[in-house]
Amino acid sequence: MSTTAAPRIVCVPDSFKGSASAAEAAAAMARGARQVFGAAEILELPFADGGEGTLEALLAAWGRTPETVEIHDALGRPATAQYGRSADGRTGVIEAAQGNGLPQVSDVAPQPLRADTFGVGLIARALLAEPDCTEILLCIGGSASTDGGTGLLRALGAEFLDATGTPVDPGGAGLGEISSVDLSALEPRARQVRWRVAVDVDNPLTGERGAAAVFGPQKGATPEQVGLLDAGLARLAEVLGVMGETDPEQLCAAPGFGAAGGMPLALTVLLGAQVLPGSQMVAEALDLQQTLARADLVITGEGSLDAQSLGGKVVQAVQRCAPPEAAVLVIAGAVQLSAEQCRAAGLTAAFSIAPGAASLPDLLDRAVELITDTTAQACGLLEHHLPQAMDSAETNSSARRHLP
């Protein structure tokens, strides 16, 4: 905590989807805060929850630009994908949807049994070719595939074989025929780097809340195909459970293993990957708690502040990492939480950027301008209280978090 009248302010928002990237939102918040606290030390730190925009947010925070690689999309067609590396080159970031995303294959009829994660593995192979890379952050979501991560492992040299020793068909179609896995040609570095997989759902691998049942229809799967995919994932869990000396039922029930068509399954068993909430992964990658340790005011935000925001998304991650004596302001496109809910969640206050009656297109077009203005308005309320809160050693942390 700083001890001078000039506060230390950290602007750490998610993107306002469709209107402002996380980097644009952070810059807009900084401009608004500077209108009130001109002498303040203000840090811009774009953030994300492991989903769309995470690659952009991390690269912006690291001051890096994306790299490109030629891959295949979820249906095996030539495509180009972006990935990133930290400033020291040790951490690589992949947004899996660039290799197996639904948007890339939306020009043709859905093929839920054929789509696979091979393209994601090609991105990973590019990172593994970098000798300095010791960690891969894999952000999954928006996938067109339900293959349990087998395509990714195939791109790294693994083979999934049937009872005759013949490679099974790629995608979800071949899962039910898998009898063994040959890792003799696996890229050696695949097991040497640390894998962390960011998920934004807690669905299990199989069953009525599983990858196939819940997300399969979104990828075009018919009820019959959902049944085939669910059974195939269960078969894969059985084979991998034997290899990893793990109870297949535990693999099928593990929270988050149903994300992105079951992609975490093969990664955890065969590569030792760690599965964790996306916001937690990004917070650790950016060392968020240390960055916020001396903050007097933390400004965060996203497109809509609602109950989901408190379920492991960006706002909650930021609040948890902020020091207890800091004020935490939320600037959002829409605020759907009451003042009581915000205070119970440890937030000082939340403000919508909507200036009044306005159409959604108008709000989207003016989002950056409105984020700046709303931040300035919110900071104005703290102008005469923040220095007092910093200088008062007797004020308890709860009162200082919830400034009047």
Protein backbone atom coordinates (compact mmCIF):
# COMPACT_ATOMS: atom_id res chain seq x y z
CA MET A 1 0.00 0.00 0.00
CA SER A 2 1.45 3.37 -0.90
CA THR A 3 1.83 6.04 1.78
CA THR A 4 1.70 9.19 -0.34
CA ALA A 5 -1.29 11.25 -1.43
CA ALA A 6 -0.69 10.21 -5.05
CA PRO A 7 -2.36 6.80 -5.31
CA ARG A 8 -1.19 3.77 -7.21
CA ILE A 9 -3.93 2.69 -9.61
CA VAL A 10 -4.09 -0.53 -11.61
CA CYS A 11 -6.54 -0.87 -14.53
CA VAL A 12 -7.08 -4.58 -15.11
CA PRO A 13 -10.22 -5.25 -17.22
CA ASP A 14 -11.45 -8.04 -19.42
CA SER A 15 -12.50 -7.18 -22.96
CA PHE A 16 -15.89 -5.60 -23.60
CA LYS A 17 -16.74 -8.14 -26.26
CA GLY A 18 -17.74 -6.63 -29.57
CA SER A 19 -16.69 -3.12 -28.61
CA ALA A 20 -13.30 -2.91 -26.87
CA SER A 21 -10.40 -5.27 -26.41
CA ALA A 22 -8.95 -5.69 -22.94
CA ALA A 23 -6.02 -3.48 -23.92
CA GLU A 24 -8.35 -0.77 -25.26
CA ALA A 25 -10.49 -0.96 -22.12
CA ALA A 26 -7.44 -0.71 -19.84
CA ALA A 27 -6.19 2.35 -21.73
CA ALA A 28 -9.62 3.96 -21.57
CA MET A 29 -9.83 3.38 -17.82
CA ALA A 30 -6.36 4.84 -17.35
CA ARG A 31 -7.36 7.99 -19.23
CA GLY A 32 -10.43 8.38 -17.06
CA ALA A 33 -8.50 7.85 -13.83
CA ARG A 34 -5.85 10.34 -14.91
CA GLN A 35 -8.50 13.06 -15.29
CA VAL A 36 -9.02 12.88 -11.52
CA PHE A 37 -5.69 11.61 -10.21
CA GLY A 38 -3.26 13.38 -12.51
CA ALA A 39 -0.21 12.64 -10.36
CA ALA A 40 -1.07 9.00 -9.78
CA GLU A 41 1.02 6.04 -10.82
CA ILE A 42 -1.33 4.23 -13.21
CA LEU A 43 -0.66 0.77 -14.60
CA GLU A 44 -2.57 -0.76 -17.52
CA LEU A 45 -2.89 -4.55 -17.33
CA PRO A 46 -5.25 -6.17 -19.89
CA PHE A 47 -6.77 -9.36 -18.51
CA ALA A 48 -8.85 -12.34 -19.69
CA ASP A 49 -10.52 -15.47 -18.33
CA GLY A 50 -8.83 -18.04 -20.55
CA GLY A 51 -11.39 -17.81 -23.36
CA GLU A 52 -11.46 -15.71 -26.50
CA GLY A 53 -9.09 -12.76 -26.22
CA THR A 54 -6.67 -14.39 -23.75
CA LEU A 55 -3.84 -14.56 -26.29
CA GLU A 56 -4.30 -10.87 -27.13
CA ALA A 57 -4.48 -9.85 -23.46
CA LEU A 58 -1.35 -11.74 -22.45
CA LEU A 59 0.66 -10.48 -25.40
CA ALA A 60 -0.42 -6.90 -24.65
CA ALA A 61 0.65 -7.30 -21.02
CA TRP A 62 3.97 -8.81 -22.09
CA GLY A 63 4.57 -6.24 -24.82
CA ARG A 64 4.79 -8.96 -27.47
CA THR A 65 3.29 -9.52 -30.92
CA PRO A 66 1.70 -12.79 -32.09
CA GLU A 67 3.53 -15.36 -34.19
CA THR A 68 1.92 -17.39 -36.97
CA VAL A 69 2.08 -20.99 -38.08
CA GLU A 70 0.52 -22.98 -40.91
CA ILE A 71 -1.87 -25.62 -39.56
CA HIS A 72 -5.07 -27.54 -40.41
CA ASP A 73 -8.53 -26.54 -39.24
CA ALA A 74 -10.88 -28.94 -37.43
CA LEU A 75 -11.72 -30.63 -40.75
CA GLY A 76 -8.14 -30.97 -41.95
CA ARG A 77 -8.11 -28.04 -44.37
CA PRO A 78 -5.07 -25.73 -44.60
CA ALA A 79 -5.27 -22.75 -42.24
CA THR A 80 -3.12 -20.21 -40.44
CA ALA A 81 -3.08 -19.77 -36.66
CA GLN A 82 -1.55 -17.31 -34.22
CA TYR A 83 0.17 -18.13 -30.95
CA GLY A 84 2.31 -16.20 -28.52
CA ARG A 85 5.32 -16.29 -26.26
CA SER A 86 6.27 -14.36 -23.16
CA ALA A 87 9.08 -11.80 -23.25
CA ASP A 88 11.61 -14.37 -22.00
CA GLY A 89 10.28 -16.99 -24.41
CA ARG A 90 9.63 -19.52 -21.65
CA THR A 91 5.83 -19.42 -21.70
CA GLY A 92 3.83 -20.18 -24.82
CA VAL A 93 0.14 -19.38 -25.25
CA ILE A 94 -2.33 -21.19 -27.50
CA GLU A 95 -5.96 -20.35 -28.13
CA ALA A 96 -7.16 -23.78 -29.17
CA ALA A 97 -10.08 -22.43 -31.18
CA GLN A 98 -7.59 -21.22 -33.77
CA GLY A 99 -6.95 -24.88 -34.56
CA ASN A 100 -10.31 -26.51 -33.89
CA GLY A 101 -12.78 -23.64 -33.64
CA LEU A 102 -16.35 -23.63 -34.89
CA PRO A 103 -16.08 -20.30 -36.78
CA GLN A 104 -13.31 -21.67 -39.02
CA VAL A 105 -15.55 -24.50 -40.27
CA SER A 106 -18.87 -22.67 -40.33
CA ASP A 107 -18.75 -22.46 -44.13
CA VAL A 108 -19.67 -26.14 -44.45
CA ALA A 109 -22.21 -28.47 -42.88
CA PRO A 110 -21.27 -29.59 -39.33
CA GLN A 111 -19.19 -32.76 -39.15
CA PRO A 112 -19.18 -33.56 -35.41
CA LEU A 113 -17.76 -37.07 -35.83
CA ARG A 114 -14.91 -36.02 -38.10
CA ALA A 115 -13.77 -32.72 -36.52
CA ASP A 116 -10.62 -33.06 -34.44
CA THR A 117 -7.88 -31.18 -32.55
CA PHE A 118 -4.97 -32.02 -34.88
CA GLY A 119 -4.53 -28.34 -35.78
CA VAL A 120 -4.13 -27.43 -32.11
CA GLY A 121 -1.34 -29.98 -31.90
CA LEU A 122 0.41 -28.34 -34.85
CA ILE A 123 0.43 -25.04 -32.98
CA ALA A 124 1.85 -26.84 -29.95
CA ARG A 125 4.51 -28.43 -32.13
CA ALA A 126 5.65 -24.97 -33.23
CA LEU A 127 6.07 -23.95 -29.60
CA LEU A 128 7.89 -27.16 -28.72
CA ALA A 129 10.39 -26.35 -31.46
CA GLU A 130 11.39 -23.28 -29.44
CA PRO A 131 14.20 -24.45 -27.10
CA ASP A 132 13.44 -21.76 -24.50
CA CYS A 133 9.78 -22.74 -24.12
CA THR A 134 9.22 -24.60 -20.84
CA GLU A 135 5.49 -24.03 -20.35
CA ILE A 136 2.41 -24.05 -22.58
CA LEU A 137 -0.79 -22.28 -21.57
CA LEU A 138 -3.63 -23.84 -23.56
CA CYS A 139 -6.88 -21.86 -23.63
CA ILE A 140 -9.74 -24.07 -24.79
CA GLY A 141 -13.29 -23.24 -25.81
CA GLY A 142 -15.40 -22.65 -28.89
CA SER A 143 -14.40 -25.98 -30.36
CA ALA A 144 -15.95 -27.87 -33.26
CA SER A 145 -14.50 -31.19 -32.09
CA THR A 146 -15.26 -33.95 -29.59
CA ASP A 147 -12.16 -36.13 -29.76
CA GLY A 148 -10.87 -36.14 -26.18
CA GLY A 149 -7.67 -34.40 -27.29
CA THR A 150 -6.57 -37.33 -29.45
CA GLY A 151 -6.00 -35.17 -32.53
CA LEU A 152 -3.63 -32.91 -30.61
CA LEU A 153 -1.63 -35.92 -29.44
CA ARG A 154 -1.56 -37.37 -32.96
CA ALA A 155 0.00 -34.12 -34.20
CA LEU A 156 2.71 -34.65 -31.59
CA GLY A 157 3.41 -38.21 -32.75
CA ALA A 158 1.07 -40.43 -30.74
CA GLU A 159 -0.98 -43.14 -32.45
CA PHE A 160 -4.36 -44.40 -31.30
CA LEU A 161 -4.79 -47.99 -32.43
CA ASP A 162 -7.67 -50.49 -32.68
CA ALA A 163 -7.50 -54.13 -31.64
CA THR A 164 -5.61 -55.03 -34.84
CA GLY A 165 -2.98 -52.33 -34.31
CA THR A 166 -4.41 -50.12 -37.06
CA PRO A 167 -4.77 -46.36 -36.44
CA VAL A 168 -8.42 -45.48 -35.81
CA ASP A 169 -10.25 -42.82 -37.77
CA PRO A 170 -9.53 -39.27 -36.58
CA GLY A 171 -12.06 -37.22 -34.65
CA GLY A 172 -14.82 -38.55 -32.45
CA ALA A 173 -15.72 -41.27 -34.94
CA GLY A 174 -12.79 -43.49 -34.02
CA LEU A 175 -12.84 -43.14 -30.23
CA GLY A 176 -14.97 -46.21 -29.63
CA GLU A 177 -12.48 -48.41 -31.52
CA ILE A 178 -9.38 -47.41 -29.53
CA SER A 179 -7.66 -50.37 -27.91
CA SER A 180 -4.16 -49.01 -27.26
CA VAL A 181 -1.96 -45.93 -27.62
CA ASP A 182 1.51 -45.98 -29.15
CA LEU A 183 3.73 -43.20 -27.78
CA SER A 184 7.00 -44.40 -29.29
CA ALA A 185 7.09 -41.51 -31.79
CA LEU A 186 5.80 -38.85 -29.39
CA GLU A 187 7.70 -35.57 -29.60
CA PRO A 188 10.08 -35.86 -26.59
CA ARG A 189 9.60 -32.25 -25.48
CA ALA A 190 5.85 -32.78 -25.20
CA ARG A 191 6.46 -34.42 -21.83
CA GLN A 192 9.24 -32.07 -20.77
CA VAL A 193 7.27 -28.83 -20.80
CA ARG A 194 4.61 -27.88 -18.26
CA TRP A 195 1.07 -27.87 -19.64
CA ARG A 196 -1.71 -25.82 -18.09
CA VAL A 197 -5.18 -26.04 -19.59
CA ALA A 198 -7.63 -23.20 -19.00
CA VAL A 199 -11.30 -24.22 -18.79
CA ASP A 200 -14.38 -22.06 -18.28
CA VAL A 201 -16.88 -24.85 -17.54
CA ASP A 202 -16.98 -27.58 -14.91
CA ASN A 203 -18.76 -30.22 -16.99
CA PRO A 204 -17.52 -33.81 -16.63
CA LEU A 205 -16.29 -35.86 -19.57
CA THR A 206 -19.34 -38.11 -20.00
CA GLY A 207 -22.95 -38.45 -18.93
CA GLU A 208 -25.90 -36.09 -19.12
CA ARG A 209 -23.67 -33.08 -18.34
CA GLY A 210 -20.77 -34.40 -20.39
CA ALA A 211 -18.95 -33.08 -23.43
CA ALA A 212 -21.13 -34.90 -25.97
CA ALA A 213 -24.54 -34.44 -24.32
CA VAL A 214 -24.21 -30.74 -23.52
CA PHE A 215 -21.96 -29.41 -26.26
CA GLY A 216 -22.34 -31.98 -29.02
CA PRO A 217 -25.64 -30.56 -30.34
CA GLN A 218 -24.01 -27.13 -30.58
CA LYS A 219 -21.50 -28.72 -32.93
CA GLY A 220 -24.19 -30.32 -35.07
CA ALA A 221 -24.39 -33.75 -33.44
CA THR A 222 -27.67 -35.64 -33.73
CA PRO A 223 -28.99 -37.61 -30.72
CA GLU A 224 -27.52 -40.79 -32.22
CA GLN A 225 -24.15 -39.10 -32.76
CA VAL A 226 -24.21 -37.74 -29.20
CA GLY A 227 -24.55 -41.32 -27.98
CA LEU A 228 -21.62 -42.47 -30.14
CA LEU A 229 -19.42 -39.63 -28.96
CA ASP A 230 -20.28 -40.17 -25.30
CA ALA A 231 -19.51 -43.87 -25.56
CA GLY A 232 -16.30 -43.10 -27.45
CA LEU A 233 -15.09 -40.72 -24.74
CA ALA A 234 -15.88 -43.34 -22.11
CA ARG A 235 -13.85 -45.90 -24.11
CA LEU A 236 -10.92 -43.47 -24.37
CA ALA A 237 -11.07 -42.88 -20.61
CA GLU A 238 -10.99 -46.65 -20.07
CA VAL A 239 -7.87 -47.12 -22.23
CA LEU A 240 -6.07 -44.09 -20.81
CA GLY A 241 -7.08 -45.03 -17.28
CA VAL A 242 -5.19 -48.29 -17.64
CA MET A 243 -2.15 -46.47 -19.03
CA GLY A 244 -2.18 -43.87 -16.30
CA GLU A 245 -3.21 -46.26 -13.52
CA THR A 246 -6.26 -44.10 -12.92
CA ASP A 247 -9.86 -45.15 -12.33
CA PRO A 248 -11.72 -44.47 -15.62
CA GLU A 249 -14.78 -43.44 -13.65
CA GLN A 250 -12.74 -40.69 -12.02
CA LEU A 251 -11.62 -39.48 -15.44
CA CYS A 252 -15.21 -39.47 -16.69
CA ALA A 253 -16.43 -37.50 -13.66
CA ALA A 254 -13.58 -35.01 -13.25
CA PRO A 255 -14.88 -31.40 -13.33
CA GLY A 256 -13.80 -29.53 -16.45
CA PHE A 257 -12.86 -32.61 -18.46
CA GLY A 258 -15.94 -32.06 -20.63
CA ALA A 259 -14.58 -28.75 -21.92
CA ALA A 260 -13.78 -28.42 -25.63
CA GLY A 261 -14.94 -31.91 -26.55
CA GLY A 262 -13.02 -33.58 -23.74
CA MET A 263 -9.66 -32.13 -24.77
CA PRO A 264 -8.26 -32.16 -21.20
CA LEU A 265 -8.53 -35.97 -21.01
CA ALA A 266 -5.59 -37.04 -23.17
CA LEU A 267 -3.51 -34.05 -22.10
CA THR A 268 -3.75 -34.81 -18.40
CA VAL A 269 -3.15 -38.54 -18.63
CA LEU A 270 -0.48 -38.58 -21.33
CA LEU A 271 1.27 -35.23 -20.79
CA GLY A 272 0.58 -34.52 -17.13
CA ALA A 273 -1.36 -31.34 -17.87
CA GLN A 274 -2.93 -29.32 -15.06
CA VAL A 275 -6.54 -28.24 -15.59
CA LEU A 276 -7.61 -25.01 -13.89
CA PRO A 277 -10.05 -22.10 -14.27
CA GLY A 278 -8.96 -19.72 -17.00
CA SER A 279 -8.93 -16.60 -14.85
CA GLN A 280 -6.68 -18.35 -12.33
CA MET A 281 -4.27 -19.39 -15.07
CA VAL A 282 -4.04 -15.87 -16.47
CA ALA A 283 -3.66 -14.40 -12.97
CA GLU A 284 -0.72 -16.70 -12.32
CA ALA A 285 0.83 -16.01 -15.72
CA LEU A 286 0.74 -12.26 -15.05
CA ASP A 287 1.65 -12.60 -11.36
CA LEU A 288 -1.48 -10.57 -10.67
CA GLN A 289 -1.38 -10.75 -6.88
CA GLN A 290 2.13 -9.30 -6.77
CA THR A 291 1.22 -6.63 -9.32
CA LEU A 292 -1.75 -5.51 -7.23
CA ALA A 293 0.04 -5.78 -3.88
CA ARG A 294 0.70 -2.02 -3.57
CA ALA A 295 -2.45 -0.80 -5.31
CA ASP A 296 -4.62 1.82 -3.66
CA LEU A 297 -7.29 1.60 -6.34
CA VAL A 298 -8.03 -1.31 -8.66
CA ILE A 299 -10.31 -0.72 -11.64
CA THR A 300 -11.63 -3.76 -13.47
CA GLY A 301 -14.56 -4.48 -15.75
CA GLU A 302 -16.18 -6.42 -18.55
CA GLY A 303 -19.14 -6.30 -20.89
CA SER A 304 -21.69 -7.39 -18.30
CA LEU A 305 -21.34 -7.67 -14.53
CA ASP A 306 -23.69 -10.46 -13.44
CA ALA A 307 -23.77 -13.60 -11.33
CA GLN A 308 -21.38 -15.37 -13.71
CA SER A 309 -18.81 -12.64 -13.03
CA LEU A 310 -18.55 -13.99 -9.49
CA GLY A 311 -18.11 -17.58 -10.63
CA GLY A 312 -14.45 -17.60 -11.56
CA LYS A 313 -14.46 -14.89 -14.22
CA VAL A 314 -12.15 -11.86 -14.46
CA VAL A 315 -13.85 -9.58 -11.92
CA GLN A 316 -13.75 -12.21 -9.19
CA ALA A 317 -10.13 -13.12 -9.96
CA VAL A 318 -9.10 -9.47 -9.76
CA GLN A 319 -11.00 -8.92 -6.50
CA ARG A 320 -9.37 -11.94 -4.90
CA CYS A 321 -5.89 -10.78 -5.88
CA ALA A 322 -6.41 -7.17 -4.76
CA PRO A 323 -5.08 -6.21 -1.30
CA PRO A 324 -7.90 -5.99 1.28
CA GLU A 325 -7.33 -2.28 1.87
CA ALA A 326 -7.63 -1.29 -1.80
CA ALA A 327 -10.80 0.07 -3.36
CA VAL A 328 -12.05 -2.11 -6.23
CA LEU A 329 -14.21 -0.41 -8.86
CA VAL A 330 -16.00 -2.22 -11.68
CA ILE A 331 -16.81 -0.48 -14.95
CA ALA A 332 -19.15 -2.57 -17.11
CA GLY A 333 -21.38 -2.32 -20.12
CA ALA A 334 -24.27 -3.49 -17.94
CA VAL A 335 -24.46 -3.96 -14.18
CA GLN A 336 -26.92 -6.65 -13.16
CA LEU A 337 -25.82 -7.01 -9.54
CA SER A 338 -27.28 -5.01 -6.66
CA ALA A 339 -25.17 -2.81 -4.41
CA GLU A 340 -25.55 -5.41 -1.67
CA GLN A 341 -24.31 -8.19 -3.98
CA CYS A 342 -21.32 -6.10 -5.04
CA ARG A 343 -20.33 -5.31 -1.47
CA ALA A 344 -20.78 -8.96 -0.44
CA ALA A 345 -18.39 -9.89 -3.27
CA GLY A 346 -15.76 -7.46 -1.97
CA LEU A 347 -16.34 -4.82 -4.63
CA THR A 348 -16.39 -1.16 -3.66
CA ALA A 349 -18.89 -0.19 -6.35
CA ALA A 350 -19.92 -0.96 -9.93
CA PHE A 351 -20.87 1.49 -12.67
CA SER A 352 -22.51 0.95 -16.05
CA ILE A 353 -21.13 2.88 -19.00
CA ALA A 354 -24.67 3.43 -20.36
CA PRO A 355 -25.32 7.19 -20.01
CA GLY A 356 -29.08 6.72 -20.24
CA ALA A 357 -31.51 5.49 -22.85
CA ALA A 358 -29.38 4.35 -25.78
CA SER A 359 -29.39 1.67 -28.45
CA LEU A 360 -26.96 -1.21 -28.22
CA PRO A 361 -25.23 -0.28 -31.49
CA ASP A 362 -24.63 3.23 -30.15
CA LEU A 363 -23.17 1.87 -26.92
CA LEU A 364 -20.91 -0.50 -28.85
CA ASP A 365 -19.68 2.29 -31.11
CA ARG A 366 -18.94 4.62 -28.18
CA ALA A 367 -17.71 2.02 -25.71
CA VAL A 368 -14.14 3.27 -25.38
CA GLU A 369 -15.28 6.88 -24.91
CA LEU A 370 -17.91 5.80 -22.37
CA ILE A 371 -15.44 3.65 -20.41
CA THR A 372 -13.17 6.67 -20.06
CA ASP A 373 -15.96 8.99 -18.96
CA THR A 374 -17.51 6.50 -16.52
CA THR A 375 -14.13 5.80 -14.96
CA ALA A 376 -13.56 9.52 -14.45
CA GLN A 377 -17.00 9.85 -12.87
CA ALA A 378 -16.32 6.93 -10.52
CA CYS A 379 -12.87 8.16 -9.57
CA GLY A 380 -14.37 11.56 -8.81
CA LEU A 381 -16.30 9.97 -5.96
CA LEU A 382 -13.03 8.79 -4.44
CA GLU A 383 -11.02 11.96 -5.01
CA HIS A 384 -11.34 13.22 -1.43
CA HIS A 385 -11.46 9.84 0.26
CA LEU A 386 -8.61 7.86 -1.23
CA PRO A 387 -5.79 9.89 0.36
CA GLN A 388 -7.57 9.73 3.72
CA ALA A 389 -7.91 5.99 3.37
CA MET A 390 -4.20 5.69 2.60
CA ASP A 391 -3.07 7.86 5.50
CA SER A 392 -5.39 6.51 8.17
CA ALA A 393 -3.70 3.62 9.99
CA GLU A 394 -6.71 3.12 12.23
CA THR A 395 -9.30 2.56 9.47
CA ASN A 396 -10.15 -1.11 9.24
CA SER A 397 -9.60 -2.89 5.93
CA SER A 398 -13.31 -3.52 5.31
CA ALA A 399 -14.21 0.14 5.61
CA ARG A 400 -11.26 1.11 3.44
CA ARG A 401 -12.31 -1.31 0.74
CA HIS A 402 -15.85 0.11 0.75
CA LEU A 403 -15.11 3.80 0.66
CA PRO A 404 -18.09 6.21 1.07
